[in-house]
Amino acid sequence: MSHFIKPLLSLAILIVTVIAFTHCNDDGPNKAPEQIQLDKLKKTWTIVTSGGATLDATDRTADFSGFTLTIGGTFNSSNPKGPYTFSVSGTRPTPSPWPASGNWFFGGDPESQLIRDENNSGTQDSGDLSMTYFIDSTGKLNLTFTCTSCNYAGSRVSLVNGTWNFILQ
């Protein structure tokens, strides 16, 4: 009887090992690029204290004391580009290049492009704001966008026009 138990035990160990290894990389190649990037972006980001906000290469970090950007949303494989949500808190200058909250989408390259839904329609259209982003080797989010007509409440366009760069951690 014991010579039957040893082979059965070996077979059971082999089966468990095979099952474990086939399920150990659940976030691998089956995830859409948008889902992978959303997982990286989804959190509350805080502005860095030095050089965290620039307008046309002029440091404006002092105008954004305590600024946070919260990126959220649930991935939907039927509509991987979005919309997803964002909200900001902390000090913002008046006018500001950021509305208090809104929607965003992934652009053509989900690893480097975001689209901010300027009219909050939940759909991408010609009036939306294109942003480039990357997460650097230290985990900081770098966002760059050019305001040409940030036309939301309280914004005087001439004071926010230009290329903004935000560094958040």
C-alpha atoms as a PDB file:
ATOM      1  CA  MET A   1       0.000   0.000   0.000  1.00  0.00           C
ATOM      2  CA  SER A   2       2.836   2.432   0.775  1.00  0.00           C
ATOM      3  CA  HIS A   3       4.261   2.078  -2.745  1.00  0.00           C
ATOM      4  CA  PHE A   4       0.936   3.493  -4.066  1.00  0.00           C
ATOM      5  CA  ILE A   5       0.985   6.481  -1.732  1.00  0.00           C
ATOM      6  CA  LYS A   6       4.450   7.688  -2.752  1.00  0.00           C
ATOM      7  CA  PRO A   7       3.619   7.989  -6.509  1.00  0.00           C
ATOM      8  CA  LEU A   8       0.227   9.554  -5.721  1.00  0.00           C
ATOM      9  CA  LEU A   9       1.870  12.088  -3.419  1.00  0.00           C
ATOM     10  CA  SER A  10       4.447  12.930  -6.110  1.00  0.00           C
ATOM     11  CA  LEU A  11       1.658  13.350  -8.675  1.00  0.00           C
ATOM     12  CA  ALA A  12      -0.300  15.617  -6.313  1.00  0.00           C
ATOM     13  CA  ILE A  13       2.779  17.798  -5.730  1.00  0.00           C
ATOM     14  CA  LEU A  14       3.371  18.023  -9.480  1.00  0.00           C
ATOM     15  CA  ILE A  15      -0.249  19.081 -10.145  1.00  0.00           C
ATOM     16  CA  VAL A  16      -0.162  21.748  -7.419  1.00  0.00           C
ATOM     17  CA  THR A  17       3.145  23.092  -8.772  1.00  0.00           C
ATOM     18  CA  VAL A  18       1.808  23.320 -12.338  1.00  0.00           C
ATOM     19  CA  ILE A  19      -1.353  25.114 -11.181  1.00  0.00           C
ATOM     20  CA  ALA A  20       0.659  27.561  -9.058  1.00  0.00           C
ATOM     21  CA  PHE A  21       2.996  28.487 -11.905  1.00  0.00           C
ATOM     22  CA  THR A  22       0.236  28.934 -14.479  1.00  0.00           C
ATOM     23  CA  HIS A  23      -1.523  31.513 -12.271  1.00  0.00           C
ATOM     24  CA  CYS A  24       1.449  33.417 -10.866  1.00  0.00           C
ATOM     25  CA  ASN A  25       1.409  36.251 -13.451  1.00  0.00           C
ATOM     26  CA  ASP A  26      -2.221  37.359 -13.548  1.00  0.00           C
ATOM     27  CA  ASP A  27      -1.329  40.928 -14.580  1.00  0.00           C
ATOM     28  CA  GLY A  28       0.802  39.861 -17.506  1.00  0.00           C
ATOM     29  CA  PRO A  29       0.116  39.901 -21.218  1.00  0.00           C
ATOM     30  CA  ASN A  30      -3.672  39.611 -20.865  1.00  0.00           C
ATOM     31  CA  LYS A  31      -4.031  43.139 -19.464  1.00  0.00           C
ATOM     32  CA  ALA A  32      -4.711  45.970 -21.897  1.00  0.00           C
ATOM     33  CA  PRO A  33      -2.073  48.749 -21.944  1.00  0.00           C
ATOM     34  CA  GLU A  34      -4.713  51.172 -20.611  1.00  0.00           C
ATOM     35  CA  GLN A  35      -5.409  48.898 -17.636  1.00  0.00           C
ATOM     36  CA  ILE A  36      -1.708  48.605 -16.823  1.00  0.00           C
ATOM     37  CA  GLN A  37      -1.272  52.389 -16.988  1.00  0.00           C
ATOM     38  CA  LEU A  38      -4.464  53.077 -15.008  1.00  0.00           C
ATOM     39  CA  ASP A  39      -3.139  50.822 -12.245  1.00  0.00           C
ATOM     40  CA  LYS A  40       0.020  52.967 -12.148  1.00  0.00           C
ATOM     41  CA  LEU A  41      -1.803  56.319 -12.277  1.00  0.00           C
ATOM     42  CA  LYS A  42      -4.698  55.637  -9.883  1.00  0.00           C
ATOM     43  CA  LYS A  43      -3.804  57.335  -6.595  1.00  0.00           C
ATOM     44  CA  THR A  44      -3.492  60.715  -4.941  1.00  0.00           C
ATOM     45  CA  TRP A  45      -0.416  62.548  -6.220  1.00  0.00           C
ATOM     46  CA  THR A  46       1.138  65.441  -4.260  1.00  0.00           C
ATOM     47  CA  ILE A  47       3.117  68.258  -5.856  1.00  0.00           C
ATOM     48  CA  VAL A  48       6.870  68.248  -5.164  1.00  0.00           C
ATOM     49  CA  THR A  49       8.096  71.266  -3.212  1.00  0.00           C
ATOM     50  CA  SER A  50      10.764  72.468  -5.634  1.00  0.00           C
ATOM     51  CA  GLY A  51       9.980  72.863  -9.329  1.00  0.00           C
ATOM     52  CA  GLY A  52       6.644  71.085  -8.929  1.00  0.00           C
ATOM     53  CA  ALA A  53       4.760  73.503 -11.191  1.00  0.00           C
ATOM     54  CA  THR A  54       6.199  75.579 -14.001  1.00  0.00           C
ATOM     55  CA  LEU A  55       4.572  77.795 -16.620  1.00  0.00           C
ATOM     56  CA  ASP A  56       6.799  78.343 -19.656  1.00  0.00           C
ATOM     57  CA  ALA A  57       9.788  77.245 -17.506  1.00  0.00           C
ATOM     58  CA  THR A  58       9.000  79.804 -14.754  1.00  0.00           C
ATOM     59  CA  ASP A  59       8.608  78.180 -11.331  1.00  0.00           C
ATOM     60  CA  ARG A  60       5.035  78.580 -10.059  1.00  0.00           C
ATOM     61  CA  THR A  61       5.188  75.928  -7.305  1.00  0.00           C
ATOM     62  CA  ALA A  62       4.465  78.504  -4.573  1.00  0.00           C
ATOM     63  CA  ASP A  63       1.054  79.106  -6.195  1.00  0.00           C
ATOM     64  CA  PHE A  64       0.143  75.437  -5.663  1.00  0.00           C
ATOM     65  CA  SER A  65       0.897  74.890  -1.962  1.00  0.00           C
ATOM     66  CA  GLY A  66      -0.503  71.542  -0.809  1.00  0.00           C
ATOM     67  CA  PHE A  67      -1.763  70.773  -4.310  1.00  0.00           C
ATOM     68  CA  THR A  68      -2.895  67.191  -4.883  1.00  0.00           C
ATOM     69  CA  LEU A  69      -4.211  65.436  -7.962  1.00  0.00           C
ATOM     70  CA  THR A  70      -6.353  62.363  -7.387  1.00  0.00           C
ATOM     71  CA  ILE A  71      -6.712  60.073 -10.383  1.00  0.00           C
ATOM     72  CA  GLY A  72      -9.450  57.475 -10.234  1.00  0.00           C
ATOM     73  CA  GLY A  73     -11.730  55.235 -12.198  1.00  0.00           C
ATOM     74  CA  THR A  74     -12.486  51.609 -12.889  1.00  0.00           C
ATOM     75  CA  PHE A  75     -11.106  49.935 -15.983  1.00  0.00           C
ATOM     76  CA  ASN A  76     -13.770  48.901 -18.506  1.00  0.00           C
ATOM     77  CA  SER A  77     -12.536  46.538 -21.211  1.00  0.00           C
ATOM     78  CA  SER A  78     -15.430  47.628 -23.464  1.00  0.00           C
ATOM     79  CA  ASN A  79     -14.167  51.221 -23.330  1.00  0.00           C
ATOM     80  CA  PRO A  80     -10.482  51.046 -22.308  1.00  0.00           C
ATOM     81  CA  LYS A  81      -9.702  54.688 -23.210  1.00  0.00           C
ATOM     82  CA  GLY A  82     -12.097  55.939 -20.517  1.00  0.00           C
ATOM     83  CA  PRO A  83     -13.540  58.192 -19.286  1.00  0.00           C
ATOM     84  CA  TYR A  84     -11.809  58.123 -15.901  1.00  0.00           C
ATOM     85  CA  THR A  85     -11.949  60.776 -13.168  1.00  0.00           C
ATOM     86  CA  PHE A  86      -9.674  63.320 -11.543  1.00  0.00           C
ATOM     87  CA  SER A  87      -9.989  65.878  -8.785  1.00  0.00           C
ATOM     88  CA  VAL A  88      -7.603  68.432  -7.360  1.00  0.00           C
ATOM     89  CA  SER A  89      -7.341  69.955  -3.915  1.00  0.00           C
ATOM     90  CA  GLY A  90      -5.033  72.306  -2.062  1.00  0.00           C
ATOM     91  CA  THR A  91      -4.100  75.801  -3.127  1.00  0.00           C
ATOM     92  CA  ARG A  92      -4.588  76.755  -6.767  1.00  0.00           C
ATOM     93  CA  PRO A  93      -3.959  80.202  -8.168  1.00  0.00           C
ATOM     94  CA  THR A  94      -6.801  82.216  -9.642  1.00  0.00           C
ATOM     95  CA  PRO A  95      -6.868  81.701 -12.533  1.00  0.00           C
ATOM     96  CA  SER A  96      -5.721  78.087 -12.538  1.00  0.00           C
ATOM     97  CA  PRO A  97      -4.907  75.638 -15.301  1.00  0.00           C
ATOM     98  CA  TRP A  98      -6.839  73.003 -13.321  1.00  0.00           C
ATOM     99  CA  PRO A  99     -10.594  72.739 -12.856  1.00  0.00           C
ATOM    100  CA  ALA A 100     -11.577  71.292  -9.463  1.00  0.00           C
ATOM    101  CA  SER A 101     -12.573  67.958 -10.998  1.00  0.00           C
ATOM    102  CA  GLY A 102     -13.467  66.290 -14.245  1.00  0.00           C
ATOM    103  CA  ASN A 103     -12.931  63.406 -16.613  1.00  0.00           C
ATOM    104  CA  TRP A 104      -9.955  62.243 -18.638  1.00  0.00           C
ATOM    105  CA  PHE A 105      -9.164  59.631 -21.281  1.00  0.00           C
ATOM    106  CA  PHE A 106      -6.104  57.830 -22.530  1.00  0.00           C
ATOM    107  CA  GLY A 107      -4.770  59.290 -25.774  1.00  0.00           C
ATOM    108  CA  GLY A 108      -3.395  57.422 -28.782  1.00  0.00           C
ATOM    109  CA  ASP A 109      -0.433  56.099 -26.773  1.00  0.00           C
ATOM    110  CA  PRO A 110      -1.721  55.100 -23.327  1.00  0.00           C
ATOM    111  CA  GLU A 111       1.839  55.007 -21.991  1.00  0.00           C
ATOM    112  CA  SER A 112       2.427  58.717 -22.625  1.00  0.00           C
ATOM    113  CA  GLN A 113      -0.800  60.556 -23.561  1.00  0.00           C
ATOM    114  CA  LEU A 114      -3.822  61.665 -21.555  1.00  0.00           C
ATOM    115  CA  ILE A 115      -6.759  63.782 -22.716  1.00  0.00           C
ATOM    116  CA  ARG A 116      -8.478  66.058 -20.176  1.00  0.00           C
ATOM    117  CA  ASP A 117     -12.200  66.386 -20.921  1.00  0.00           C
ATOM    118  CA  GLU A 118     -12.488  70.194 -20.869  1.00  0.00           C
ATOM    119  CA  ASN A 119     -16.272  70.391 -21.214  1.00  0.00           C
ATOM    120  CA  ASN A 120     -16.875  67.382 -18.933  1.00  0.00           C
ATOM    121  CA  SER A 121     -19.034  65.732 -21.583  1.00  0.00           C
ATOM    122  CA  GLY A 122     -17.677  62.257 -20.881  1.00  0.00           C
ATOM    123  CA  THR A 123     -16.665  61.960 -24.532  1.00  0.00           C
ATOM    124  CA  GLN A 124     -13.542  63.019 -26.395  1.00  0.00           C
ATOM    125  CA  ASP A 125     -13.999  66.032 -28.646  1.00  0.00           C
ATOM    126  CA  SER A 126     -11.931  68.728 -30.334  1.00  0.00           C
ATOM    127  CA  GLY A 127     -11.989  71.117 -27.366  1.00  0.00           C
ATOM    128  CA  ASP A 128     -10.270  68.705 -24.988  1.00  0.00           C
ATOM    129  CA  LEU A 129      -6.747  69.231 -23.635  1.00  0.00           C
ATOM    130  CA  SER A 130      -3.968  66.847 -24.661  1.00  0.00           C
ATOM    131  CA  MET A 131      -1.392  66.055 -21.967  1.00  0.00           C
ATOM    132  CA  THR A 132       1.826  64.073 -22.080  1.00  0.00           C
ATOM    133  CA  TYR A 133       2.988  62.149 -19.047  1.00  0.00           C
ATOM    134  CA  PHE A 134       5.571  59.751 -17.749  1.00  0.00           C
ATOM    135  CA  ILE A 135       6.414  58.202 -14.412  1.00  0.00           C
ATOM    136  CA  ASP A 136      10.137  58.559 -13.794  1.00  0.00           C
ATOM    137  CA  SER A 137      12.485  56.037 -12.187  1.00  0.00           C
ATOM    138  CA  THR A 138      11.786  57.500  -8.726  1.00  0.00           C
ATOM    139  CA  GLY A 139       8.015  57.085  -9.143  1.00  0.00           C
ATOM    140  CA  LYS A 140       7.217  60.757  -9.777  1.00  0.00           C
ATOM    141  CA  LEU A 141       4.445  61.636 -12.232  1.00  0.00           C
ATOM    142  CA  ASN A 142       5.449  64.284 -14.778  1.00  0.00           C
ATOM    143  CA  LEU A 143       2.547  65.973 -16.609  1.00  0.00           C
ATOM    144  CA  THR A 144       3.003  68.509 -19.407  1.00  0.00           C
ATOM    145  CA  PHE A 145       0.267  70.358 -21.272  1.00  0.00           C
ATOM    146  CA  THR A 146      -0.226  73.600 -23.148  1.00  0.00           C
ATOM    147  CA  CYS A 147      -3.180  75.806 -22.248  1.00  0.00           C
ATOM    148  CA  THR A 148      -4.424  77.853 -25.165  1.00  0.00           C
ATOM    149  CA  SER A 149      -7.984  78.297 -23.927  1.00  0.00           C
ATOM    150  CA  CYS A 150      -8.559  76.878 -20.454  1.00  0.00           C
ATOM    151  CA  ASN A 151     -12.122  78.228 -20.450  1.00  0.00           C
ATOM    152  CA  TYR A 152     -13.630  77.069 -17.165  1.00  0.00           C
ATOM    153  CA  ALA A 153     -15.139  79.132 -14.373  1.00  0.00           C
ATOM    154  CA  GLY A 154     -12.806  81.665 -12.773  1.00  0.00           C
ATOM    155  CA  SER A 155     -10.080  81.326 -15.380  1.00  0.00           C
ATOM    156  CA  ARG A 156      -8.670  84.340 -17.193  1.00  0.00           C
ATOM    157  CA  VAL A 157      -7.167  82.684 -20.241  1.00  0.00           C
ATOM    158  CA  SER A 158      -4.353  85.182 -20.749  1.00  0.00           C
ATOM    159  CA  LEU A 159      -2.914  84.383 -17.305  1.00  0.00           C
ATOM    160  CA  VAL A 160      -2.854  80.601 -17.722  1.00  0.00           C
ATOM    161  CA  ASN A 161      -1.895  80.315 -21.390  1.00  0.00           C
ATOM    162  CA  GLY A 162       1.386  78.545 -21.998  1.00  0.00           C
ATOM    163  CA  THR A 163       3.104  75.257 -21.354  1.00  0.00           C
ATOM    164  CA  TRP A 164       2.617  73.847 -17.876  1.00  0.00           C
ATOM    165  CA  ASN A 165       4.703  71.111 -16.311  1.00  0.00           C
ATOM    166  CA  PHE A 166       3.707  69.437 -13.047  1.00  0.00           C
ATOM    167  CA  ILE A 167       5.818  66.996 -11.053  1.00  0.00           C
ATOM    168  CA  LEU A 168       3.891  64.990  -8.477  1.00  0.00           C
ATOM    169  CA  GLN A 169       4.803  62.164  -6.151  1.00  0.00           C
END
